[in-house]
Amino acid sequence: MAVQSFLTGDDAGQREAALIRRLDHLSRQMEGMDEDLSILGETLALYVRAWMNARLPMPPEAQEAAKARGQERYERFLTVLLRNLATRDRFLRERSRDIAVFREHRAVTPFPDGPDGAGRSGAG
């Protein structure tokens, strides 16, 4: 609407009002997305914490070793996370590249072992 107003030659006040309304709408959308992203980040953090803290029943003599292994896993997790954040090589971007390679491979050799991967044609 703001662009149409600008192109049709409406007076400056109308153009400015339309532009302000549109910017306000975009600002509210961004605030909503920011909130959604915060919720997603918190959810993921809670999941990772729960996963890292999951403890299987074990004899008391094995608990110290398991705790040490858990600490090592957590440190590796943080190392990879920080490296990915620093290099901007994010998980979803990596997966997108993996999918592209997979699709390219499938286009060249669709179902080399049959649709079910078991060397049969899938016809029964």
N, C-alpha and C. Protein backbone atom coordinates (compact mmCIF):
# COMPACT_ATOMS: atom_id res chain seq x y z
N MET A 1 0.82 -1.18 0.00
CA MET A 1 0.00 0.00 0.00
C MET A 1 0.88 1.25 0.00
N ALA A 2 1.95 1.21 0.80
CA ALA A 2 2.86 2.35 0.87
C ALA A 2 3.53 2.58 -0.48
N VAL A 3 3.93 1.52 -1.13
CA VAL A 3 4.58 1.66 -2.44
C VAL A 3 3.59 2.17 -3.48
N GLN A 4 2.36 1.64 -3.46
CA GLN A 4 1.34 2.09 -4.40
C GLN A 4 1.06 3.58 -4.21
N SER A 5 0.96 3.99 -2.95
CA SER A 5 0.72 5.39 -2.65
C SER A 5 1.86 6.25 -3.19
N PHE A 6 3.08 5.78 -3.03
CA PHE A 6 4.25 6.52 -3.52
C PHE A 6 4.22 6.63 -5.04
N LEU A 7 3.88 5.54 -5.72
CA LEU A 7 3.91 5.51 -7.18
C LEU A 7 2.76 6.30 -7.80
N THR A 8 1.62 6.38 -7.13
CA THR A 8 0.48 7.09 -7.71
C THR A 8 0.51 8.58 -7.43
N GLY A 9 1.47 9.04 -6.67
CA GLY A 9 1.63 10.47 -6.47
C GLY A 9 0.75 11.05 -5.38
N ASP A 10 0.28 10.24 -4.43
CA ASP A 10 -0.47 10.79 -3.30
C ASP A 10 0.40 11.80 -2.58
N ASP A 11 -0.23 12.63 -1.81
CA ASP A 11 0.56 13.66 -1.13
C ASP A 11 1.50 13.02 -0.11
N ALA A 12 2.50 13.74 0.28
CA ALA A 12 3.56 13.23 1.14
C ALA A 12 3.02 12.74 2.48
N GLY A 13 2.02 13.39 3.02
CA GLY A 13 1.45 12.99 4.31
C GLY A 13 0.80 11.62 4.23
N GLN A 14 0.09 11.36 3.16
CA GLN A 14 -0.55 10.05 2.99
C GLN A 14 0.51 8.97 2.79
N ARG A 15 1.52 9.28 2.00
CA ARG A 15 2.60 8.31 1.79
C ARG A 15 3.29 7.98 3.10
N GLU A 16 3.59 9.01 3.86
CA GLU A 16 4.27 8.80 5.13
C GLU A 16 3.41 7.99 6.09
N ALA A 17 2.13 8.28 6.16
CA ALA A 17 1.23 7.54 7.05
C ALA A 17 1.14 6.08 6.64
N ALA A 18 1.05 5.83 5.35
CA ALA A 18 0.97 4.44 4.87
C ALA A 18 2.28 3.70 5.17
N LEU A 19 3.39 4.38 4.98
CA LEU A 19 4.68 3.77 5.26
C LEU A 19 4.84 3.47 6.76
N ILE A 20 4.42 4.40 7.58
CA ILE A 20 4.50 4.19 9.04
C ILE A 20 3.63 3.02 9.46
N ARG A 21 2.40 2.91 8.91
CA ARG A 21 1.53 1.78 9.25
C ARG A 21 2.19 0.46 8.86
N ARG A 22 2.78 0.44 7.69
CA ARG A 22 3.42 -0.80 7.23
C ARG A 22 4.63 -1.14 8.09
N LEU A 23 5.43 -0.16 8.43
CA LEU A 23 6.59 -0.40 9.29
C LEU A 23 6.16 -0.86 10.68
N ASP A 24 5.07 -0.29 11.20
CA ASP A 24 4.55 -0.75 12.49
C ASP A 24 4.11 -2.21 12.41
N HIS A 25 3.46 -2.56 11.32
CA HIS A 25 3.03 -3.95 11.14
C HIS A 25 4.24 -4.88 11.08
N LEU A 26 5.25 -4.50 10.32
CA LEU A 26 6.46 -5.32 10.23
C LEU A 26 7.16 -5.42 11.59
N SER A 27 7.16 -4.33 12.34
CA SER A 27 7.77 -4.34 13.66
C SER A 27 7.06 -5.32 14.58
N ARG A 28 5.73 -5.35 14.56
CA ARG A 28 4.97 -6.29 15.39
C ARG A 28 5.25 -7.73 14.95
N GLN A 29 5.36 -7.96 13.65
CA GLN A 29 5.69 -9.30 13.16
C GLN A 29 7.06 -9.74 13.67
N MET A 30 8.04 -8.85 13.62
CA MET A 30 9.38 -9.17 14.09
C MET A 30 9.39 -9.46 15.58
N GLU A 31 8.63 -8.71 16.36
CA GLU A 31 8.55 -8.95 17.79
C GLU A 31 7.98 -10.34 18.06
N GLY A 32 6.96 -10.73 17.29
CA GLY A 32 6.39 -12.07 17.44
C GLY A 32 7.39 -13.15 17.09
N MET A 33 8.15 -12.94 16.02
CA MET A 33 9.16 -13.92 15.63
C MET A 33 10.27 -13.99 16.67
N ASP A 34 10.62 -12.85 17.24
CA ASP A 34 11.65 -12.83 18.28
C ASP A 34 11.19 -13.64 19.49
N GLU A 35 9.94 -13.50 19.87
CA GLU A 35 9.39 -14.27 20.98
C GLU A 35 9.39 -15.76 20.65
N ASP A 36 8.97 -16.10 19.42
CA ASP A 36 8.97 -17.51 19.00
C ASP A 36 10.38 -18.09 19.04
N LEU A 37 11.35 -17.32 18.59
CA LEU A 37 12.74 -17.77 18.59
C LEU A 37 13.25 -17.96 20.01
N SER A 38 12.86 -17.08 20.90
CA SER A 38 13.27 -17.22 22.31
C SER A 38 12.69 -18.50 22.90
N ILE A 39 11.43 -18.77 22.60
CA ILE A 39 10.79 -19.99 23.11
C ILE A 39 11.48 -21.21 22.54
N LEU A 40 11.78 -21.19 21.25
CA LEU A 40 12.46 -22.31 20.61
C LEU A 40 13.84 -22.53 21.24
N GLY A 41 14.58 -21.46 21.45
CA GLY A 41 15.91 -21.59 22.05
C GLY A 41 15.83 -22.14 23.46
N GLU A 42 14.89 -21.67 24.24
CA GLU A 42 14.73 -22.16 25.61
C GLU A 42 14.32 -23.63 25.62
N THR A 43 13.43 -24.00 24.70
CA THR A 43 13.00 -25.39 24.60
C THR A 43 14.18 -26.29 24.27
N LEU A 44 14.97 -25.88 23.31
CA LEU A 44 16.14 -26.68 22.93
C LEU A 44 17.13 -26.78 24.09
N ALA A 45 17.34 -25.68 24.78
CA ALA A 45 18.28 -25.70 25.91
C ALA A 45 17.81 -26.66 26.99
N LEU A 46 16.51 -26.64 27.29
CA LEU A 46 15.97 -27.56 28.29
C LEU A 46 16.11 -29.01 27.85
N TYR A 47 15.87 -29.26 26.56
CA TYR A 47 16.00 -30.62 26.04
C TYR A 47 17.45 -31.10 26.15
N VAL A 48 18.38 -30.26 25.74
CA VAL A 48 19.80 -30.64 25.80
C VAL A 48 20.21 -30.89 27.25
N ARG A 49 19.78 -30.02 28.15
CA ARG A 49 20.11 -30.21 29.56
C ARG A 49 19.53 -31.53 30.08
N ALA A 50 18.28 -31.83 29.73
CA ALA A 50 17.67 -33.08 30.18
C ALA A 50 18.40 -34.28 29.57
N TRP A 51 18.77 -34.18 28.30
CA TRP A 51 19.46 -35.28 27.64
C TRP A 51 20.83 -35.50 28.27
N MET A 52 21.52 -34.41 28.55
CA MET A 52 22.85 -34.53 29.14
C MET A 52 22.79 -35.08 30.57
N ASN A 53 21.69 -34.78 31.26
CA ASN A 53 21.56 -35.22 32.65
C ASN A 53 20.87 -36.56 32.81
N ALA A 54 20.42 -37.14 31.70
CA ALA A 54 19.73 -38.43 31.79
C ALA A 54 20.68 -39.46 32.39
N ARG A 55 20.19 -40.16 33.36
CA ARG A 55 21.04 -41.15 34.03
C ARG A 55 20.35 -42.50 34.00
N LEU A 56 21.06 -43.45 33.50
CA LEU A 56 20.57 -44.82 33.53
C LEU A 56 20.94 -45.43 34.87
N PRO A 57 20.11 -46.35 35.35
CA PRO A 57 20.47 -47.00 36.61
C PRO A 57 21.81 -47.71 36.46
N MET A 58 22.69 -47.49 37.43
CA MET A 58 24.00 -48.13 37.38
C MET A 58 24.50 -48.32 38.80
N PRO A 59 25.41 -49.24 38.95
CA PRO A 59 25.96 -49.46 40.30
C PRO A 59 26.76 -48.23 40.75
N PRO A 60 26.82 -48.01 42.04
CA PRO A 60 27.52 -46.83 42.57
C PRO A 60 28.97 -46.72 42.11
N GLU A 61 29.65 -47.85 41.94
CA GLU A 61 31.07 -47.78 41.54
C GLU A 61 31.25 -47.27 40.11
N ALA A 62 30.20 -47.31 39.29
CA ALA A 62 30.30 -46.86 37.90
C ALA A 62 29.85 -45.40 37.75
N GLN A 63 29.30 -44.82 38.78
CA GLN A 63 28.74 -43.48 38.66
C GLN A 63 29.79 -42.40 38.42
N GLU A 64 30.92 -42.49 39.05
CA GLU A 64 31.96 -41.47 38.84
C GLU A 64 32.45 -41.49 37.40
N ALA A 65 32.67 -42.69 36.85
CA ALA A 65 33.12 -42.79 35.46
C ALA A 65 32.05 -42.25 34.52
N ALA A 66 30.79 -42.55 34.79
CA ALA A 66 29.70 -42.06 33.95
C ALA A 66 29.61 -40.54 34.04
N LYS A 67 29.80 -40.00 35.23
CA LYS A 67 29.77 -38.55 35.41
C LYS A 67 30.90 -37.90 34.62
N ALA A 68 32.08 -38.49 34.63
CA ALA A 68 33.22 -37.95 33.87
C ALA A 68 32.94 -38.01 32.37
N ARG A 69 32.37 -39.13 31.91
CA ARG A 69 32.03 -39.24 30.48
C ARG A 69 30.98 -38.20 30.09
N GLY A 70 30.00 -37.98 30.97
CA GLY A 70 28.98 -36.97 30.72
C GLY A 70 29.58 -35.58 30.62
N GLN A 71 30.53 -35.29 31.50
CA GLN A 71 31.20 -33.99 31.45
C GLN A 71 31.99 -33.84 30.15
N GLU A 72 32.66 -34.90 29.71
CA GLU A 72 33.39 -34.86 28.44
C GLU A 72 32.43 -34.63 27.27
N ARG A 73 31.30 -35.32 27.28
CA ARG A 73 30.31 -35.15 26.21
C ARG A 73 29.82 -33.72 26.17
N TYR A 74 29.54 -33.16 27.33
CA TYR A 74 29.05 -31.79 27.40
C TYR A 74 30.10 -30.82 26.89
N GLU A 75 31.34 -31.01 27.25
CA GLU A 75 32.42 -30.13 26.78
C GLU A 75 32.59 -30.24 25.26
N ARG A 76 32.48 -31.47 24.72
CA ARG A 76 32.55 -31.63 23.25
C ARG A 76 31.37 -30.92 22.59
N PHE A 77 30.19 -31.05 23.19
CA PHE A 77 29.01 -30.37 22.67
C PHE A 77 29.25 -28.86 22.61
N LEU A 78 29.74 -28.28 23.69
CA LEU A 78 29.99 -26.84 23.72
C LEU A 78 31.06 -26.44 22.71
N THR A 79 32.09 -27.25 22.56
CA THR A 79 33.16 -26.96 21.60
C THR A 79 32.60 -26.90 20.18
N VAL A 80 31.81 -27.90 19.83
CA VAL A 80 31.22 -27.92 18.49
C VAL A 80 30.25 -26.76 18.31
N LEU A 81 29.44 -26.50 19.31
CA LEU A 81 28.49 -25.38 19.23
C LEU A 81 29.22 -24.06 19.02
N LEU A 82 30.23 -23.80 19.82
CA LEU A 82 30.97 -22.55 19.68
C LEU A 82 31.69 -22.45 18.34
N ARG A 83 32.25 -23.57 17.88
CA ARG A 83 32.92 -23.56 16.57
C ARG A 83 31.91 -23.24 15.47
N ASN A 84 30.75 -23.88 15.52
CA ASN A 84 29.73 -23.64 14.49
C ASN A 84 29.22 -22.21 14.53
N LEU A 85 29.06 -21.66 15.72
CA LEU A 85 28.62 -20.27 15.82
C LEU A 85 29.69 -19.32 15.30
N ALA A 86 30.95 -19.63 15.58
CA ALA A 86 32.05 -18.76 15.13
C ALA A 86 32.22 -18.81 13.61
N THR A 87 32.04 -19.98 13.02
CA THR A 87 32.25 -20.12 11.58
C THR A 87 30.97 -19.89 10.79
N ARG A 88 29.86 -19.73 11.50
CA ARG A 88 28.55 -19.56 10.88
C ARG A 88 28.16 -20.77 10.03
N ASP A 89 28.75 -21.92 10.32
CA ASP A 89 28.40 -23.15 9.61
C ASP A 89 27.34 -23.85 10.46
N ARG A 90 26.14 -23.41 10.32
CA ARG A 90 25.07 -23.86 11.19
C ARG A 90 24.55 -25.23 10.79
N PHE A 91 23.97 -25.90 11.76
CA PHE A 91 23.46 -27.27 11.59
C PHE A 91 22.47 -27.35 10.43
N LEU A 92 21.51 -26.44 10.38
CA LEU A 92 20.50 -26.52 9.32
C LEU A 92 21.10 -26.26 7.95
N ARG A 93 22.09 -25.40 7.88
CA ARG A 93 22.76 -25.15 6.61
C ARG A 93 23.52 -26.40 6.17
N GLU A 94 24.17 -27.08 7.12
CA GLU A 94 24.86 -28.34 6.80
C GLU A 94 23.87 -29.36 6.29
N ARG A 95 22.71 -29.47 6.98
CA ARG A 95 21.70 -30.45 6.56
C ARG A 95 21.16 -30.12 5.18
N SER A 96 21.02 -28.84 4.86
CA SER A 96 20.56 -28.44 3.53
C SER A 96 21.53 -28.91 2.46
N ARG A 97 22.83 -28.78 2.75
CA ARG A 97 23.83 -29.26 1.78
C ARG A 97 23.77 -30.78 1.66
N ASP A 98 23.60 -31.47 2.80
CA ASP A 98 23.49 -32.93 2.77
C ASP A 98 22.30 -33.36 1.91
N ILE A 99 21.18 -32.68 2.08
CA ILE A 99 19.97 -33.02 1.32
C ILE A 99 20.20 -32.78 -0.17
N ALA A 100 20.85 -31.68 -0.51
CA ALA A 100 21.12 -31.39 -1.92
C ALA A 100 21.99 -32.47 -2.54
N VAL A 101 23.02 -32.91 -1.82
CA VAL A 101 23.90 -33.97 -2.32
C VAL A 101 23.10 -35.27 -2.46
N PHE A 102 22.27 -35.57 -1.47
CA PHE A 102 21.45 -36.77 -1.51
C PHE A 102 20.51 -36.75 -2.72
N ARG A 103 19.86 -35.61 -2.94
CA ARG A 103 18.93 -35.50 -4.08
C ARG A 103 19.68 -35.63 -5.41
N GLU A 104 20.86 -35.04 -5.47
CA GLU A 104 21.66 -35.14 -6.69
C GLU A 104 22.04 -36.59 -6.95
N HIS A 105 22.46 -37.28 -5.89
CA HIS A 105 22.81 -38.70 -6.02
C HIS A 105 21.60 -39.52 -6.44
N ARG A 106 20.45 -39.25 -5.84
CA ARG A 106 19.23 -40.00 -6.16
C ARG A 106 18.81 -39.76 -7.61
N ALA A 107 19.04 -38.55 -8.12
CA ALA A 107 18.68 -38.25 -9.50
C ALA A 107 19.53 -39.05 -10.47
N VAL A 108 20.78 -39.32 -10.08
CA VAL A 108 21.70 -40.07 -10.94
C VAL A 108 21.42 -41.56 -10.83
N THR A 109 21.23 -42.07 -9.62
CA THR A 109 21.02 -43.50 -9.41
C THR A 109 19.80 -43.74 -8.52
N PRO A 110 18.58 -43.54 -9.07
CA PRO A 110 17.41 -43.75 -8.23
C PRO A 110 17.25 -45.22 -7.87
N PHE A 111 17.08 -45.48 -6.60
CA PHE A 111 16.83 -46.83 -6.07
C PHE A 111 17.79 -47.88 -6.63
N PRO A 112 19.09 -47.74 -6.39
CA PRO A 112 20.03 -48.71 -6.94
C PRO A 112 19.78 -50.13 -6.42
N ASP A 113 19.22 -50.27 -5.24
CA ASP A 113 18.96 -51.58 -4.67
C ASP A 113 17.46 -51.86 -4.58
N GLY A 114 16.68 -51.20 -5.38
CA GLY A 114 15.23 -51.34 -5.30
C GLY A 114 14.68 -50.29 -4.36
N PRO A 115 13.38 -49.99 -4.44
CA PRO A 115 12.79 -48.92 -3.64
C PRO A 115 12.92 -49.14 -2.14
N ASP A 116 12.98 -50.42 -1.71
CA ASP A 116 13.08 -50.66 -0.28
C ASP A 116 14.52 -50.86 0.17
N GLY A 117 15.48 -50.72 -0.74
CA GLY A 117 16.88 -50.84 -0.39
C GLY A 117 17.36 -52.26 -0.18
N ALA A 118 16.52 -53.26 -0.52
CA ALA A 118 16.87 -54.65 -0.25
C ALA A 118 17.21 -55.42 -1.53
N GLY A 119 17.46 -54.72 -2.61
CA GLY A 119 17.86 -55.39 -3.83
C GLY A 119 16.70 -55.98 -4.61
N ARG A 120 15.48 -55.64 -4.19
CA ARG A 120 14.32 -56.14 -4.92
C ARG A 120 13.67 -54.97 -5.62
N SER A 121 12.84 -55.26 -6.55
CA SER A 121 12.17 -54.20 -7.31
C SER A 121 11.00 -53.62 -6.54
N GLY A 122 10.62 -54.28 -5.45
CA GLY A 122 9.50 -53.79 -4.65
C GLY A 122 8.18 -54.30 -5.15
N ALA A 123 8.18 -55.21 -6.13
CA ALA A 123 6.94 -55.70 -6.71
C ALA A 123 6.42 -56.90 -5.97
N GLY A 124 6.84 -57.17 -4.78
CA GLY A 124 6.21 -58.21 -3.99
C GLY A 124 7.14 -59.27 -3.67
